[in-house]
């Protein structure tokens, strides 16, 4: 499909341009957060290494601390990925019913 004298953006509707912009912002935010989280993990690892060096720990103790740190990081990442469900809340009262379900006070 050849473009005849117009830029790709000029042939898009305003709605499409807005959707493209929203998608771009969403993706940029997602990946910038991902990078920031990775940098935070690296900083925590470096801090652990610095503390262990200052304490003058033996290699075996360093290995154990690194292992414990890795387990904590893994558990933290797993908790961040979990989604909340109904079982995570204690329902106090149903305050409304509608076509899409119930509204509960939790």
N, C-alpha and C. Protein backbone atom coordinates (compact mmCIF):
# COMPACT_ATOMS: atom_id res chain seq x y z
N UNK A 1 0.85 -1.16 0.00
CA UNK A 1 0.00 0.00 0.00
C UNK A 1 0.90 1.23 0.00
N UNK A 2 0.83 2.01 -1.03
CA UNK A 2 1.69 3.19 -1.17
C UNK A 2 0.98 4.42 -0.63
N UNK A 3 1.74 5.25 0.04
CA UNK A 3 1.21 6.51 0.55
C UNK A 3 1.42 7.56 -0.53
N UNK A 4 0.42 8.32 -0.84
CA UNK A 4 0.54 9.31 -1.90
C UNK A 4 0.61 10.71 -1.31
N UNK A 5 1.81 11.16 -1.04
CA UNK A 5 2.02 12.54 -0.62
C UNK A 5 1.52 12.89 0.77
N UNK A 6 1.21 11.94 1.61
CA UNK A 6 0.76 12.27 2.95
C UNK A 6 1.55 11.46 3.96
N UNK A 7 1.67 12.00 5.14
CA UNK A 7 2.37 11.27 6.20
C UNK A 7 1.42 10.25 6.81
N UNK A 8 1.94 9.20 7.42
CA UNK A 8 1.06 8.18 8.00
C UNK A 8 0.12 8.75 9.06
N UNK A 9 0.56 9.75 9.81
CA UNK A 9 -0.27 10.31 10.88
C UNK A 9 -1.45 11.10 10.34
N UNK A 10 -1.31 11.70 9.18
CA UNK A 10 -2.39 12.54 8.67
C UNK A 10 -3.58 11.72 8.21
N UNK A 11 -3.37 10.44 7.93
CA UNK A 11 -4.49 9.61 7.48
C UNK A 11 -5.24 8.96 8.64
N UNK A 12 -4.75 9.13 9.87
CA UNK A 12 -5.42 8.53 11.02
C UNK A 12 -6.44 9.50 11.60
N UNK A 13 -7.50 8.93 12.14
CA UNK A 13 -8.51 9.76 12.80
C UNK A 13 -7.97 10.24 14.15
N UNK A 14 -8.61 11.24 14.71
CA UNK A 14 -8.19 11.76 16.02
C UNK A 14 -8.32 10.68 17.09
N UNK A 15 -9.37 9.89 17.00
CA UNK A 15 -9.57 8.81 17.96
C UNK A 15 -8.40 7.83 17.91
N UNK A 16 -7.98 7.47 16.71
CA UNK A 16 -6.86 6.54 16.56
C UNK A 16 -5.58 7.15 17.09
N UNK A 17 -5.36 8.43 16.81
CA UNK A 17 -4.17 9.11 17.32
C UNK A 17 -4.15 9.12 18.85
N UNK A 18 -5.31 9.37 19.46
CA UNK A 18 -5.40 9.36 20.92
C UNK A 18 -5.11 7.98 21.48
N UNK A 19 -5.66 6.96 20.83
CA UNK A 19 -5.42 5.58 21.28
C UNK A 19 -3.95 5.21 21.16
N UNK A 20 -3.32 5.63 20.06
CA UNK A 20 -1.90 5.36 19.86
C UNK A 20 -1.09 6.04 20.96
N UNK A 21 -1.43 7.28 21.26
CA UNK A 21 -0.72 8.02 22.31
C UNK A 21 -0.90 7.36 23.66
N UNK A 22 -2.12 6.94 23.99
CA UNK A 22 -2.37 6.28 25.27
C UNK A 22 -1.60 4.96 25.36
N UNK A 23 -1.58 4.22 24.28
CA UNK A 23 -0.85 2.95 24.26
C UNK A 23 0.64 3.19 24.44
N UNK A 24 1.15 4.19 23.75
CA UNK A 24 2.57 4.52 23.86
C UNK A 24 2.93 4.89 25.29
N UNK A 25 2.13 5.73 25.92
CA UNK A 25 2.39 6.15 27.30
C UNK A 25 2.32 4.95 28.25
N UNK A 26 1.33 4.10 28.04
CA UNK A 26 1.18 2.91 28.89
C UNK A 26 2.41 2.01 28.77
N UNK A 27 2.85 1.75 27.56
CA UNK A 27 4.02 0.90 27.36
C UNK A 27 5.28 1.54 27.94
N UNK A 28 5.44 2.84 27.74
CA UNK A 28 6.61 3.53 28.29
C UNK A 28 6.62 3.46 29.81
N UNK A 29 5.46 3.65 30.43
CA UNK A 29 5.37 3.57 31.89
C UNK A 29 5.68 2.16 32.38
N UNK A 30 5.13 1.17 31.69
CA UNK A 30 5.36 -0.22 32.09
C UNK A 30 6.84 -0.55 32.08
N UNK A 31 7.51 -0.23 30.97
CA UNK A 31 8.92 -0.59 30.86
C UNK A 31 9.82 0.30 31.72
N UNK A 32 9.46 1.55 31.92
CA UNK A 32 10.28 2.38 32.81
C UNK A 32 10.16 1.88 34.25
N UNK A 33 8.97 1.43 34.65
CA UNK A 33 8.80 0.84 35.99
C UNK A 33 9.59 -0.45 36.11
N UNK A 34 9.58 -1.25 35.06
CA UNK A 34 10.33 -2.51 35.07
C UNK A 34 11.82 -2.25 35.24
N UNK A 35 12.33 -1.26 34.53
CA UNK A 35 13.75 -0.91 34.63
C UNK A 35 14.07 -0.37 36.02
N UNK A 36 13.19 0.48 36.55
CA UNK A 36 13.41 1.04 37.88
C UNK A 36 13.43 -0.06 38.94
N UNK A 37 12.53 -1.02 38.83
CA UNK A 37 12.49 -2.12 39.79
C UNK A 37 13.76 -2.96 39.70
N UNK A 38 14.24 -3.18 38.48
CA UNK A 38 15.48 -3.94 38.30
C UNK A 38 16.66 -3.20 38.93
N UNK A 39 16.71 -1.89 38.73
CA UNK A 39 17.79 -1.10 39.33
C UNK A 39 17.71 -1.13 40.85
N UNK A 40 16.50 -1.12 41.40
CA UNK A 40 16.34 -1.21 42.86
C UNK A 40 16.86 -2.55 43.38
N UNK A 41 16.56 -3.63 42.65
CA UNK A 41 17.07 -4.94 43.06
C UNK A 41 18.59 -4.98 43.03
N UNK A 42 19.17 -4.39 41.98
CA UNK A 42 20.63 -4.35 41.89
C UNK A 42 21.23 -3.54 43.03
N UNK A 43 20.58 -2.43 43.39
CA UNK A 43 21.08 -1.60 44.49
C UNK A 43 21.03 -2.37 45.81
N UNK A 44 19.94 -3.13 46.03
CA UNK A 44 19.85 -3.93 47.25
C UNK A 44 20.94 -4.99 47.28
N UNK A 45 21.23 -5.59 46.13
CA UNK A 45 22.28 -6.61 46.06
C UNK A 45 23.64 -5.98 46.35
N UNK A 46 23.91 -4.81 45.78
CA UNK A 46 25.18 -4.13 46.03
C UNK A 46 25.31 -3.73 47.50
N UNK A 47 24.20 -3.29 48.08
CA UNK A 47 24.22 -2.91 49.50
C UNK A 47 24.55 -4.13 50.36
N UNK A 48 23.95 -5.26 50.03
CA UNK A 48 24.23 -6.50 50.77
C UNK A 48 25.71 -6.85 50.65
N UNK A 49 26.24 -6.78 49.44
CA UNK A 49 27.66 -7.10 49.23
C UNK A 49 28.55 -6.16 50.03
N UNK A 50 28.21 -4.87 50.05
CA UNK A 50 29.00 -3.89 50.80
C UNK A 50 28.97 -4.19 52.29
N UNK A 51 27.79 -4.49 52.81
CA UNK A 51 27.66 -4.79 54.24
C UNK A 51 28.46 -6.04 54.59
N UNK A 52 28.37 -7.06 53.74
CA UNK A 52 29.11 -8.30 54.01
C UNK A 52 30.61 -8.05 53.97
N UNK A 53 31.05 -7.20 53.06
CA UNK A 53 32.48 -6.89 52.97
C UNK A 53 32.95 -6.14 54.21
N UNK A 54 32.11 -5.20 54.68
CA UNK A 54 32.47 -4.43 55.87
C UNK A 54 32.52 -5.31 57.11
N UNK A 55 31.65 -6.31 57.16
CA UNK A 55 31.63 -7.21 58.31
C UNK A 55 32.75 -8.25 58.26
N UNK A 56 33.38 -8.39 57.11
CA UNK A 56 34.48 -9.33 56.97
C UNK A 56 34.04 -10.78 57.13
N UNK A 57 32.93 -11.13 56.50
CA UNK A 57 32.38 -12.48 56.64
C UNK A 57 33.18 -13.48 55.81
N UNK A 58 33.11 -14.73 56.24
CA UNK A 58 33.74 -15.81 55.49
C UNK A 58 32.90 -16.11 54.26
N UNK A 59 33.51 -16.80 53.30
CA UNK A 59 32.83 -17.10 52.04
C UNK A 59 31.55 -17.90 52.24
N UNK A 60 31.57 -18.84 53.16
CA UNK A 60 30.39 -19.67 53.40
C UNK A 60 29.23 -18.82 53.95
N UNK A 61 29.54 -17.92 54.87
CA UNK A 61 28.50 -17.04 55.43
C UNK A 61 27.97 -16.09 54.36
N UNK A 62 28.85 -15.60 53.50
CA UNK A 62 28.42 -14.74 52.40
C UNK A 62 27.47 -15.49 51.47
N UNK A 63 27.83 -16.73 51.17
CA UNK A 63 26.98 -17.55 50.29
C UNK A 63 25.60 -17.75 50.91
N UNK A 64 25.56 -18.01 52.21
CA UNK A 64 24.28 -18.21 52.90
C UNK A 64 23.44 -16.93 52.87
N UNK A 65 24.07 -15.80 53.10
CA UNK A 65 23.33 -14.53 53.08
C UNK A 65 22.82 -14.20 51.67
N UNK A 66 23.65 -14.47 50.66
CA UNK A 66 23.21 -14.24 49.28
C UNK A 66 22.01 -15.12 48.95
N UNK A 67 22.07 -16.35 49.41
CA UNK A 67 20.97 -17.28 49.16
C UNK A 67 19.69 -16.81 49.84
N UNK A 68 19.81 -16.37 51.08
CA UNK A 68 18.64 -15.86 51.81
C UNK A 68 18.08 -14.61 51.13
N UNK A 69 18.98 -13.75 50.69
CA UNK A 69 18.56 -12.53 50.00
C UNK A 69 17.82 -12.87 48.70
N UNK A 70 18.33 -13.83 47.96
CA UNK A 70 17.69 -14.24 46.70
C UNK A 70 16.30 -14.82 46.97
N UNK A 71 16.16 -15.59 48.05
CA UNK A 71 14.84 -16.14 48.40
C UNK A 71 13.86 -15.02 48.73
N UNK A 72 14.33 -14.03 49.48
CA UNK A 72 13.45 -12.90 49.84
C UNK A 72 13.04 -12.11 48.60
N UNK A 73 13.98 -11.87 47.70
CA UNK A 73 13.66 -11.15 46.46
C UNK A 73 12.64 -11.93 45.63
N UNK A 74 12.84 -13.24 45.53
CA UNK A 74 11.92 -14.08 44.77
C UNK A 74 10.52 -14.03 45.37
N UNK A 75 10.44 -14.14 46.68
CA UNK A 75 9.14 -14.10 47.35
C UNK A 75 8.47 -12.74 47.15
N UNK A 76 9.25 -11.68 47.23
CA UNK A 76 8.72 -10.34 47.02
C UNK A 76 8.14 -10.19 45.61
N UNK A 77 8.88 -10.66 44.61
CA UNK A 77 8.41 -10.58 43.22
C UNK A 77 7.15 -11.42 43.02
N UNK A 78 7.10 -12.57 43.66
CA UNK A 78 5.93 -13.44 43.55
C UNK A 78 4.70 -12.76 44.18
N UNK A 79 4.90 -12.12 45.32
CA UNK A 79 3.79 -11.41 45.97
C UNK A 79 3.28 -10.25 45.11
N UNK A 80 4.19 -9.58 44.42
CA UNK A 80 3.78 -8.47 43.57
C UNK A 80 2.92 -8.94 42.39
N UNK A 81 3.15 -10.17 41.94
CA UNK A 81 2.41 -10.68 40.79
C UNK A 81 1.05 -11.27 41.15
N UNK A 82 0.81 -11.51 42.43
CA UNK A 82 -0.46 -12.13 42.81
C UNK A 82 -1.60 -11.14 42.66
N UNK A 83 -2.73 -11.66 42.29
CA UNK A 83 -3.92 -10.83 42.14
C UNK A 83 -4.84 -11.06 43.34
N UNK A 84 -5.56 -10.02 43.68
CA UNK A 84 -6.50 -10.13 44.79
C UNK A 84 -7.77 -10.82 44.31
N UNK A 85 -8.31 -11.66 45.15
CA UNK A 85 -9.55 -12.34 44.84
C UNK A 85 -10.55 -12.17 45.97
N UNK A 86 -11.72 -12.74 45.81
CA UNK A 86 -12.76 -12.63 46.84
C UNK A 86 -12.30 -13.22 48.17
N UNK A 87 -11.51 -14.29 48.09
CA UNK A 87 -11.07 -14.95 49.32
C UNK A 87 -10.09 -14.11 50.13
N UNK A 88 -9.56 -13.04 49.53
CA UNK A 88 -8.63 -12.17 50.23
C UNK A 88 -9.34 -11.14 51.12
N UNK A 89 -10.66 -11.09 51.05
CA UNK A 89 -11.42 -10.10 51.80
C UNK A 89 -12.47 -10.78 52.67
N UNK A 90 -12.83 -10.10 53.73
CA UNK A 90 -13.90 -10.58 54.59
C UNK A 90 -15.14 -9.73 54.29
N UNK A 91 -16.16 -10.36 53.76
CA UNK A 91 -17.37 -9.65 53.38
C UNK A 91 -18.20 -9.36 54.63
N UNK A 92 -18.53 -8.09 54.84
CA UNK A 92 -19.33 -7.71 55.99
C UNK A 92 -20.82 -7.67 55.67
N UNK A 93 -21.12 -7.15 54.47
CA UNK A 93 -22.53 -6.98 54.13
C UNK A 93 -22.67 -6.77 52.63
N UNK A 94 -23.74 -7.33 52.05
CA UNK A 94 -24.08 -7.05 50.66
C UNK A 94 -24.91 -5.78 50.66
N UNK A 95 -24.42 -4.75 49.96
CA UNK A 95 -25.14 -3.47 49.99
C UNK A 95 -25.87 -3.18 48.68
N UNK A 96 -25.74 -4.07 47.71
CA UNK A 96 -26.48 -3.86 46.47
C UNK A 96 -26.30 -5.02 45.52
N UNK A 97 -27.29 -5.20 44.66
CA UNK A 97 -27.23 -6.23 43.62
C UNK A 97 -27.62 -5.59 42.30
N UNK A 98 -26.93 -6.02 41.26
CA UNK A 98 -27.21 -5.45 39.95
C UNK A 98 -26.94 -6.45 38.85
N UNK A 99 -26.99 -5.97 37.63
CA UNK A 99 -26.80 -6.83 36.47
C UNK A 99 -25.40 -7.41 36.40
N UNK A 100 -24.43 -6.72 36.98
CA UNK A 100 -23.04 -7.18 36.90
C UNK A 100 -22.56 -7.84 38.18
N UNK A 101 -23.43 -8.07 39.14
CA UNK A 101 -23.04 -8.75 40.35
C UNK A 101 -23.44 -8.00 41.60
N UNK A 102 -22.77 -8.34 42.68
CA UNK A 102 -23.08 -7.76 43.98
C UNK A 102 -22.06 -6.71 44.36
N UNK A 103 -22.53 -5.75 45.15
CA UNK A 103 -21.64 -4.77 45.76
C UNK A 103 -21.59 -5.11 47.23
N UNK A 104 -20.38 -5.35 47.72
CA UNK A 104 -20.23 -5.78 49.11
C UNK A 104 -19.40 -4.78 49.90
N UNK A 105 -19.71 -4.69 51.16
CA UNK A 105 -18.91 -3.92 52.09
C UNK A 105 -17.90 -4.89 52.69
N UNK A 106 -16.63 -4.58 52.52
CA UNK A 106 -15.59 -5.48 53.03
C UNK A 106 -14.76 -4.79 54.08
